[in-house]
Each structure stands twice: as C-alpha cells, then as structure tokens.
PDB file of all heavy atoms in Angstrom:
ATOM      1  N   ARG A   1      61.690 107.762  97.044  1.00  0.00           N
ATOM      2  CA  ARG A   1      60.382 108.342  97.375  1.00  0.00           C
ATOM      3  C   ARG A   1      60.548 109.528  98.304  1.00  0.00           C
ATOM      4  O   ARG A   1      59.784 110.489  98.256  1.00  0.00           O
ATOM      5  CB  ARG A   1      59.503 107.308  98.087  1.00  0.00           C
ATOM      6  CG  ARG A   1      58.894 106.239  97.213  1.00  0.00           C
ATOM      7  CD  ARG A   1      58.033 105.306  98.058  1.00  0.00           C
ATOM      8  NE  ARG A   1      57.529 104.195  97.283  1.00  0.00           N
ATOM      9  CZ  ARG A   1      56.337 104.164  96.694  1.00  0.00           C
ATOM     10  NH1 ARG A   1      55.529 105.206  96.823  1.00  0.00           N
ATOM     11  NH2 ARG A   1      55.944 103.117  96.010  1.00  0.00           N
ATOM     12  N   GLY A   2      61.525 109.423  99.185  1.00  0.00           N
ATOM     13  CA  GLY A   2      61.779 110.481 100.150  1.00  0.00           C
ATOM     14  C   GLY A   2      63.001 110.139 100.968  1.00  0.00           C
ATOM     15  O   GLY A   2      63.486 109.009 100.939  1.00  0.00           O
ATOM     16  N   LYS A   3      63.512 111.129 101.678  1.00  0.00           N
ATOM     17  CA  LYS A   3      64.650 110.876 102.560  1.00  0.00           C
ATOM     18  C   LYS A   3      64.274 109.887 103.658  1.00  0.00           C
ATOM     19  O   LYS A   3      65.102 109.109 104.129  1.00  0.00           O
ATOM     20  CB  LYS A   3      65.130 112.186 103.186  1.00  0.00           C
ATOM     21  CG  LYS A   3      65.702 113.185 102.201  1.00  0.00           C
ATOM     22  CD  LYS A   3      67.030 112.722 101.644  1.00  0.00           C
ATOM     23  CE  LYS A   3      67.645 113.791 100.751  1.00  0.00           C
ATOM     24  NZ  LYS A   3      68.919 113.350 100.144  1.00  0.00           N
ATOM     25  N   ILE A   4      63.002 109.942 104.065  1.00  0.00           N
ATOM     26  CA  ILE A   4      62.485 109.019 105.068  1.00  0.00           C
ATOM     27  C   ILE A   4      61.203 108.407 104.520  1.00  0.00           C
ATOM     28  O   ILE A   4      60.326 109.126 104.026  1.00  0.00           O
ATOM     29  CB  ILE A   4      62.179 109.741 106.399  1.00  0.00           C
ATOM     30  CG1 ILE A   4      63.457 110.360 106.970  1.00  0.00           C
ATOM     31  CG2 ILE A   4      61.555 108.785 107.403  1.00  0.00           C
ATOM     32  CD1 ILE A   4      63.215 111.217 108.192  1.00  0.00           C
ATOM     33  N   VAL A   5      61.093 107.092 104.573  1.00  0.00           N
ATOM     34  CA  VAL A   5      59.881 106.395 104.149  1.00  0.00           C
ATOM     35  C   VAL A   5      59.408 105.543 105.326  1.00  0.00           C
ATOM     36  O   VAL A   5      60.149 104.711 105.844  1.00  0.00           O
ATOM     37  CB  VAL A   5      60.128 105.502 102.918  1.00  0.00           C
ATOM     38  CG1 VAL A   5      58.854 104.719 102.566  1.00  0.00           C
ATOM     39  CG2 VAL A   5      60.578 106.345 101.724  1.00  0.00           C
ATOM     40  N   ILE A   6      58.173 105.779 105.751  1.00  0.00           N
ATOM     41  CA  ILE A   6      57.571 105.010 106.843  1.00  0.00           C
ATOM     42  C   ILE A   6      56.586 104.030 106.233  1.00  0.00           C
ATOM     43  O   ILE A   6      55.732 104.407 105.428  1.00  0.00           O
ATOM     44  CB  ILE A   6      56.863 105.930 107.849  1.00  0.00           C
ATOM     45  CG1 ILE A   6      57.871 106.925 108.444  1.00  0.00           C
ATOM     46  CG2 ILE A   6      56.214 105.115 108.958  1.00  0.00           C
ATOM     47  CD1 ILE A   6      57.243 107.974 109.325  1.00  0.00           C
ATOM     48  N   GLN A   7      56.710 102.763 106.602  1.00  0.00           N
ATOM     49  CA  GLN A   7      55.888 101.705 106.019  1.00  0.00           C
ATOM     50  C   GLN A   7      55.125 100.966 107.103  1.00  0.00           C
ATOM     51  O   GLN A   7      55.703 100.412 108.027  1.00  0.00           O
ATOM     52  CB  GLN A   7      56.774 100.724 105.240  1.00  0.00           C
ATOM     53  CG  GLN A   7      56.018  99.593 104.563  1.00  0.00           C
ATOM     54  CD  GLN A   7      56.949  98.628 103.837  1.00  0.00           C
ATOM     55  OE1 GLN A   7      58.181  98.754 103.932  1.00  0.00           O
ATOM     56  NE2 GLN A   7      56.381  97.672 103.130  1.00  0.00           N
ATOM     57  N   GLY A   8      53.797 100.972 106.990  1.00  0.00           N
ATOM     58  CA  GLY A   8      52.944 100.187 107.858  1.00  0.00           C
ATOM     59  C   GLY A   8      52.503  98.931 107.125  1.00  0.00           C
ATOM     60  O   GLY A   8      52.273  98.963 105.914  1.00  0.00           O
ATOM     61  N   ALA A   9      52.342  97.833 107.836  1.00  0.00           N
ATOM     62  CA  ALA A   9      52.037  96.558 107.190  1.00  0.00           C
ATOM     63  C   ALA A   9      50.597  96.452 106.712  1.00  0.00           C
ATOM     64  O   ALA A   9      50.273  95.559 105.927  1.00  0.00           O
ATOM     65  CB  ALA A   9      52.349  95.401 108.148  1.00  0.00           C
ATOM     66  N   GLY A  10      49.705  97.331 107.175  1.00  0.00           N
ATOM     67  CA  GLY A  10      48.317  97.279 106.733  1.00  0.00           C
ATOM     68  C   GLY A  10      47.502  96.221 107.458  1.00  0.00           C
ATOM     69  O   GLY A  10      47.958  95.596 108.418  1.00  0.00           O
ATOM     70  N   ALA A  11      46.288  95.992 106.955  1.00  0.00           N
ATOM     71  CA  ALA A  11      45.342  95.116 107.653  1.00  0.00           C
ATOM     72  C   ALA A  11      45.818  93.674 107.764  1.00  0.00           C
ATOM     73  O   ALA A  11      45.500  92.984 108.733  1.00  0.00           O
ATOM     74  CB  ALA A  11      43.990  95.160 106.944  1.00  0.00           C
ATOM     75  N   ASP A  12      46.599  93.195 106.782  1.00  0.00           N
ATOM     76  CA  ASP A  12      47.057  91.799 106.863  1.00  0.00           C
ATOM     77  C   ASP A  12      48.251  91.626 107.791  1.00  0.00           C
ATOM     78  O   ASP A  12      48.668  90.500 108.071  1.00  0.00           O
ATOM     79  CB  ASP A  12      47.352  91.229 105.474  1.00  0.00           C
ATOM     80  CG  ASP A  12      48.544  91.897 104.769  1.00  0.00           C
ATOM     81  OD1 ASP A  12      49.212  92.762 105.376  1.00  0.00           O
ATOM     82  OD2 ASP A  12      48.793  91.561 103.599  1.00  0.00           O
ATOM     83  N   GLY A  13      48.818  92.733 108.268  1.00  0.00           N
ATOM     84  CA  GLY A  13      49.913  92.663 109.232  1.00  0.00           C
ATOM     85  C   GLY A  13      51.250  92.278 108.665  1.00  0.00           C
ATOM     86  O   GLY A  13      52.232  92.150 109.402  1.00  0.00           O
ATOM     87  N   THR A  14      51.347  92.101 107.340  1.00  0.00           N
ATOM     88  CA  THR A  14      52.564  91.628 106.692  1.00  0.00           C
ATOM     89  C   THR A  14      53.071  92.674 105.708  1.00  0.00           C
ATOM     90  O   THR A  14      52.288  93.214 104.926  1.00  0.00           O
ATOM     91  CB  THR A  14      52.299  90.314 105.923  1.00  0.00           C
ATOM     92  OG1 THR A  14      51.673  89.387 106.790  1.00  0.00           O
ATOM     93  CG2 THR A  14      53.596  89.730 105.408  1.00  0.00           C
ATOM     94  N   PHE A  15      54.358  92.947 105.728  1.00  0.00           N
ATOM     95  CA  PHE A  15      54.936  93.919 104.803  1.00  0.00           C
ATOM     96  C   PHE A  15      54.990  93.342 103.394  1.00  0.00           C
ATOM     97  O   PHE A  15      55.643  92.325 103.154  1.00  0.00           O
ATOM     98  CB  PHE A  15      56.345  94.325 105.263  1.00  0.00           C
ATOM     99  CG  PHE A  15      56.344  95.014 106.601  1.00  0.00           C
ATOM    100  CD1 PHE A  15      56.875  94.392 107.714  1.00  0.00           C
ATOM    101  CD2 PHE A  15      55.786  96.271 106.744  1.00  0.00           C
ATOM    102  CE1 PHE A  15      56.863  95.020 108.953  1.00  0.00           C
ATOM    103  CE2 PHE A  15      55.769  96.912 107.984  1.00  0.00           C
ATOM    104  CZ  PHE A  15      56.300  96.277 109.087  1.00  0.00           C
ATOM    105  N   LEU A  16      54.264  93.968 102.460  1.00  0.00           N
ATOM    106  CA  LEU A  16      54.194  93.483 101.078  1.00  0.00           C
ATOM    107  C   LEU A  16      53.959  91.971 101.087  1.00  0.00           C
ATOM    108  O   LEU A  16      54.771  91.181 100.620  1.00  0.00           O
ATOM    109  CB  LEU A  16      55.464  93.834 100.305  1.00  0.00           C
ATOM    110  CG  LEU A  16      55.790  95.335 100.199  1.00  0.00           C
ATOM    111  CD1 LEU A  16      57.085  95.541  99.414  1.00  0.00           C
ATOM    112  CD2 LEU A  16      54.652  96.101  99.532  1.00  0.00           C
ATOM    113  N   GLY A  17      52.828  91.584 101.631  1.00  0.00           N
ATOM    114  CA  GLY A  17      52.527  90.170 101.836  1.00  0.00           C
ATOM    115  C   GLY A  17      52.376  89.387 100.543  1.00  0.00           C
ATOM    116  O   GLY A  17      51.760  89.849  99.586  1.00  0.00           O
ATOM    117  N   LYS A  18      52.930  88.189 100.524  1.00  0.00           N
ATOM    118  CA  LYS A  18      52.824  87.312  99.354  1.00  0.00           C
ATOM    119  C   LYS A  18      51.371  86.934  99.069  1.00  0.00           C
ATOM    120  O   LYS A  18      51.016  86.616  97.944  1.00  0.00           O
ATOM    121  CB  LYS A  18      53.647  86.039  99.575  1.00  0.00           C
ATOM    122  CG  LYS A  18      55.136  86.270  99.663  1.00  0.00           C
ATOM    123  CD  LYS A  18      55.861  84.963  99.953  1.00  0.00           C
ATOM    124  CE  LYS A  18      57.352  85.165 100.082  1.00  0.00           C
ATOM    125  NZ  LYS A  18      58.061  83.901 100.402  1.00  0.00           N
ATOM    126  N   GLY A  19      50.538  86.971 100.096  1.00  0.00           N
ATOM    127  CA  GLY A  19      49.145  86.603  99.923  1.00  0.00           C
ATOM    128  C   GLY A  19      48.246  87.757  99.528  1.00  0.00           C
ATOM    129  O   GLY A  19      47.030  87.584  99.413  1.00  0.00           O
ATOM    130  N   ASP A  20      48.807  88.945  99.337  1.00  0.00           N
ATOM    131  CA  ASP A  20      48.026  90.108  98.930  1.00  0.00           C
ATOM    132  C   ASP A  20      47.718  89.991  97.437  1.00  0.00           C
ATOM    133  O   ASP A  20      48.533  90.349  96.586  1.00  0.00           O
ATOM    134  CB  ASP A  20      48.808  91.392  99.228  1.00  0.00           C
ATOM    135  CG  ASP A  20      47.964  92.653  99.081  1.00  0.00           C
ATOM    136  OD1 ASP A  20      47.178  92.721  98.114  1.00  0.00           O
ATOM    137  OD2 ASP A  20      48.100  93.564  99.913  1.00  0.00           O
ATOM    138  N   VAL A  21      46.539  89.483  97.115  1.00  0.00           N
ATOM    139  CA  VAL A  21      46.202  89.164  95.724  1.00  0.00           C
ATOM    140  C   VAL A  21      46.225  90.404  94.843  1.00  0.00           C
ATOM    141  O   VAL A  21      46.743  90.374  93.725  1.00  0.00           O
ATOM    142  CB  VAL A  21      44.817  88.483  95.653  1.00  0.00           C
ATOM    143  CG1 VAL A  21      44.430  88.223  94.204  1.00  0.00           C
ATOM    144  CG2 VAL A  21      44.834  87.181  96.439  1.00  0.00           C
ATOM    145  N   ARG A  22      45.688  91.501  95.322  1.00  0.00           N
ATOM    146  CA  ARG A  22      45.658  92.717  94.507  1.00  0.00           C
ATOM    147  C   ARG A  22      47.060  93.248  94.251  1.00  0.00           C
ATOM    148  O   ARG A  22      47.388  93.673  93.149  1.00  0.00           O
ATOM    149  CB  ARG A  22      44.816  93.790  95.199  1.00  0.00           C
ATOM    150  CG  ARG A  22      44.663  95.072  94.383  1.00  0.00           C
ATOM    151  CD  ARG A  22      43.629  95.997  95.005  1.00  0.00           C
ATOM    152  NE  ARG A  22      43.544  97.250  94.278  1.00  0.00           N
ATOM    153  CZ  ARG A  22      44.251  98.340  94.571  1.00  0.00           C
ATOM    154  NH1 ARG A  22      45.102  98.318  95.599  1.00  0.00           N
ATOM    155  NH2 ARG A  22      44.128  99.442  93.879  1.00  0.00           N
ATOM    156  N   GLY A  23      47.922  93.201  95.273  1.00  0.00           N
ATOM    157  CA  GLY A  23      49.291  93.667  95.096  1.00  0.00           C
ATOM    158  C   GLY A  23      50.076  92.781  94.149  1.00  0.00           C
ATOM    159  O   GLY A  23      50.669  93.264  93.175  1.00  0.00           O
ATOM    160  N   ARG A  24      50.056  91.478  94.398  1.00  0.00           N
ATOM    161  CA  ARG A  24      50.820  90.550  93.560  1.00  0.00           C
ATOM    162  C   ARG A  24      50.296  90.504  92.137  1.00  0.00           C
ATOM    163  O   ARG A  24      51.011  90.159  91.204  1.00  0.00           O
ATOM    164  CB  ARG A  24      50.789  89.139  94.160  1.00  0.00           C
ATOM    165  CG  ARG A  24      51.660  88.943  95.384  1.00  0.00           C
ATOM    166  CD  ARG A  24      53.135  89.179  95.122  1.00  0.00           C
ATOM    167  NE  ARG A  24      53.732  88.257  94.205  1.00  0.00           N
ATOM    168  CZ  ARG A  24      54.391  87.150  94.547  1.00  0.00           C
ATOM    169  NH1 ARG A  24      54.504  86.821  95.808  1.00  0.00           N
ATOM    170  NH2 ARG A  24      54.937  86.379  93.634  1.00  0.00           N
ATOM    171  N   GLY A  25      49.013  90.872  91.963  1.00  0.00           N
ATOM    172  CA  GLY A  25      48.424  90.833  90.634  1.00  0.00           C
ATOM    173  C   GLY A  25      48.987  91.882  89.687  1.00  0.00           C
ATOM    174  O   GLY A  25      48.744  91.827  88.477  1.00  0.00           O
ATOM    175  N   GLN A  26      49.769  92.836  90.228  1.00  0.00           N
ATOM    176  CA  GLN A  26      50.335  93.894  89.404  1.00  0.00           C
ATOM    177  C   GLN A  26      51.640  93.491  88.728  1.00  0.00           C
ATOM    178  O   GLN A  26      52.161  94.223  87.899  1.00  0.00           O
ATOM    179  CB  GLN A  26      50.579  95.148  90.256  1.00  0.00           C
ATOM    180  CG  GLN A  26      49.325  95.726  90.875  1.00  0.00           C
ATOM    181  CD  GLN A  26      48.324  96.176  89.837  1.00  0.00           C
ATOM    182  OE1 GLN A  26      48.653  96.911  88.914  1.00  0.00           O
ATOM    183  NE2 GLN A  26      47.092  95.710  89.963  1.00  0.00           N
ATOM    184  N   PHE A  27      52.187  92.345  89.100  1.00  0.00           N
ATOM    185  CA  PHE A  27      53.462  91.925  88.524  1.00  0.00           C
ATOM    186  C   PHE A  27      53.608  90.413  88.600  1.00  0.00           C
ATOM    187  O   PHE A  27      52.849  89.748  89.307  1.00  0.00           O
ATOM    188  CB  PHE A  27      54.639  92.606  89.229  1.00  0.00           C
ATOM    189  CG  PHE A  27      54.811  92.189  90.669  1.00  0.00           C
ATOM    190  CD1 PHE A  27      55.716  91.200  91.019  1.00  0.00           C
ATOM    191  CD2 PHE A  27      54.066  92.781  91.667  1.00  0.00           C
ATOM    192  CE1 PHE A  27      55.869  90.811  92.335  1.00  0.00           C
ATOM    193  CE2 PHE A  27      54.213  92.399  93.004  1.00  0.00           C
ATOM    194  CZ  PHE A  27      55.120  91.412  93.328  1.00  0.00           C
ATOM    195  N   LYS A  28      54.577  89.879  87.874  1.00  0.00           N
ATOM    196  CA  LYS A  28      54.869  88.452  87.915  1.00  0.00           C
ATOM    197  C   LYS A  28      56.259  88.241  88.525  1.00  0.00           C
ATOM    198  O   LYS A  28      57.054  89.158  88.633  1.00  0.00           O
ATOM    199  CB  LYS A  28      54.832  87.859  86.509  1.00  0.00           C
ATOM    200  CG  LYS A  28      53.430  87.857  85.886  1.00  0.00           C
ATOM    201  CD  LYS A  28      53.441  87.194  84.528  1.00  0.00           C
ATOM    202  CE  LYS A  28      52.055  87.148  83.927  1.00  0.00           C
ATOM    203  NZ  LYS A  28      52.051  86.502  82.595  1.00  0.00           N
ATOM    204  N   GLY A  29      56.572  87.012  88.873  1.00  0.00           N
ATOM    205  CA  GLY A  29      57.887  86.726  89.430  1.00  0.00           C
ATOM    206  C   GLY A  29      57.886  86.899  90.931  1.00  0.00           C
ATOM    207  O   GLY A  29      56.862  87.158  91.557  1.00  0.00           O
ATOM    208  N   ASP A  30      59.046  86.765  91.527  1.00  0.00           N
ATOM    209  CA  ASP A  30      59.153  86.774  92.974  1.00  0.00           C
ATOM    210  C   ASP A  30      59.434  88.153  93.559  1.00  0.00           C
ATOM    211  O   ASP A  30      58.958  88.472  94.636  1.00  0.00           O
ATOM    212  CB  ASP A  30      60.253  85.802  93.418  1.00  0.00           C
ATOM    213  CG  ASP A  30      59.879  84.356  93.125  1.00  0.00           C
ATOM    214  OD1 ASP A  30      58.692  84.031  93.273  1.00  0.00           O
ATOM    215  OD2 ASP A  30      60.764  83.585  92.738  1.00  0.00           O
ATOM    216  N   GLY A  31      60.234  88.960  92.888  1.00  0.00           N
ATOM    217  CA  GLY A  31      60.568  90.271  93.407  1.00  0.00           C
ATOM    218  C   GLY A  31      59.716  91.357  92.767  1.00  0.00           C
ATOM    219  O   GLY A  31      59.329  91.266  91.603  1.00  0.00           O
ATOM    220  N   MET A  32      59.387  92.407  93.531  1.00  0.00           N
ATOM    221  CA  MET A  32      58.609  93.529  93.019  1.00  0.00           C
ATOM    222  C   MET A  32      59.559  94.533  92.366  1.00  0.00           C
ATOM    223  O   MET A  32      59.990  95.512  92.968  1.00  0.00           O
ATOM    224  CB  MET A  32      57.827  94.207  94.156  1.00  0.00           C
ATOM    225  CG  MET A  32      56.831  95.255  93.689  1.00  0.00           C
ATOM    226  SD  MET A  32      55.953  96.036  95.068  1.00  0.00           S
ATOM    227  CE  MET A  32      57.282  97.034  95.782  1.00  0.00           C
ATOM    228  N   LYS A  33      59.898  94.293  91.131  1.00  0.00           N
ATOM    229  CA  LYS A  33      60.882  95.117  90.438  1.00  0.00           C
ATOM    230  C   LYS A  33      60.348  96.523  90.168  1.00  0.00           C
ATOM    231  O   LYS A  33      59.169  96.712  89.865  1.00  0.00           O
ATOM    232  CB  LYS A  33      61.275  94.450  89.120  1.00  0.00           C
ATOM    233  CG  LYS A  33      61.913  93.081  89.309  1.00  0.00           C
ATOM    234  CD  LYS A  33      62.212  92.411  87.984  1.00  0.00           C
ATOM    235  CE  LYS A  33      62.817  91.019  88.203  1.00  0.00           C
ATOM    236  NZ  LYS A  33      63.091  90.320  86.935  1.00  0.00           N
ATOM    237  N   TYR A  34      61.233  97.486  90.276  1.00  0.00           N
ATOM    238  CA  TYR A  34      60.865  98.876  90.018  1.00  0.00           C
ATOM    239  C   TYR A  34      60.293  99.040  88.611  1.00  0.00           C
ATOM    240  O   TYR A  34      59.356  99.813  88.396  1.00  0.00           O
ATOM    241  CB  TYR A  34      62.108  99.756  90.208  1.00  0.00           C
ATOM    242  CG  TYR A  34      61.893 101.215  89.875  1.00  0.00           C
ATOM    243  CD1 TYR A  34      61.206 102.060  90.748  1.00  0.00           C
ATOM    244  CD2 TYR A  34      62.400 101.756  88.701  1.00  0.00           C
ATOM    245  CE1 TYR A  34      61.031 103.401  90.444  1.00  0.00           C
ATOM    246  CE2 TYR A  34      62.230 103.095  88.390  1.00  0.00           C
ATOM    247  CZ  TYR A  34      61.540 103.920  89.268  1.00  0.00           C
ATOM    248  OH  TYR A  34      61.367 105.249  88.966  1.00  0.00           O
TER     249      TYR A  34
END
C-alpha cells in the first residue's frame, strides 16, 4: 500500500476485530487473505 502504513484501531479499539460484522462479512475463514 505504501512504504509506511499507519493503522488506527477505529471505534471498536481492536485492530481488524473479529467482532466487526461488516469487515468479516467480506470474506470467510480465519485469515483476511489478499
């Protein structure tokens, strides 16, 4: 994405949270594969 990538955890406070329904709804399985 870039030489430097800054990641904020967002409102839930968790980085790519397992409980983020909208995020997890985009894929199946445990890892977020490219």
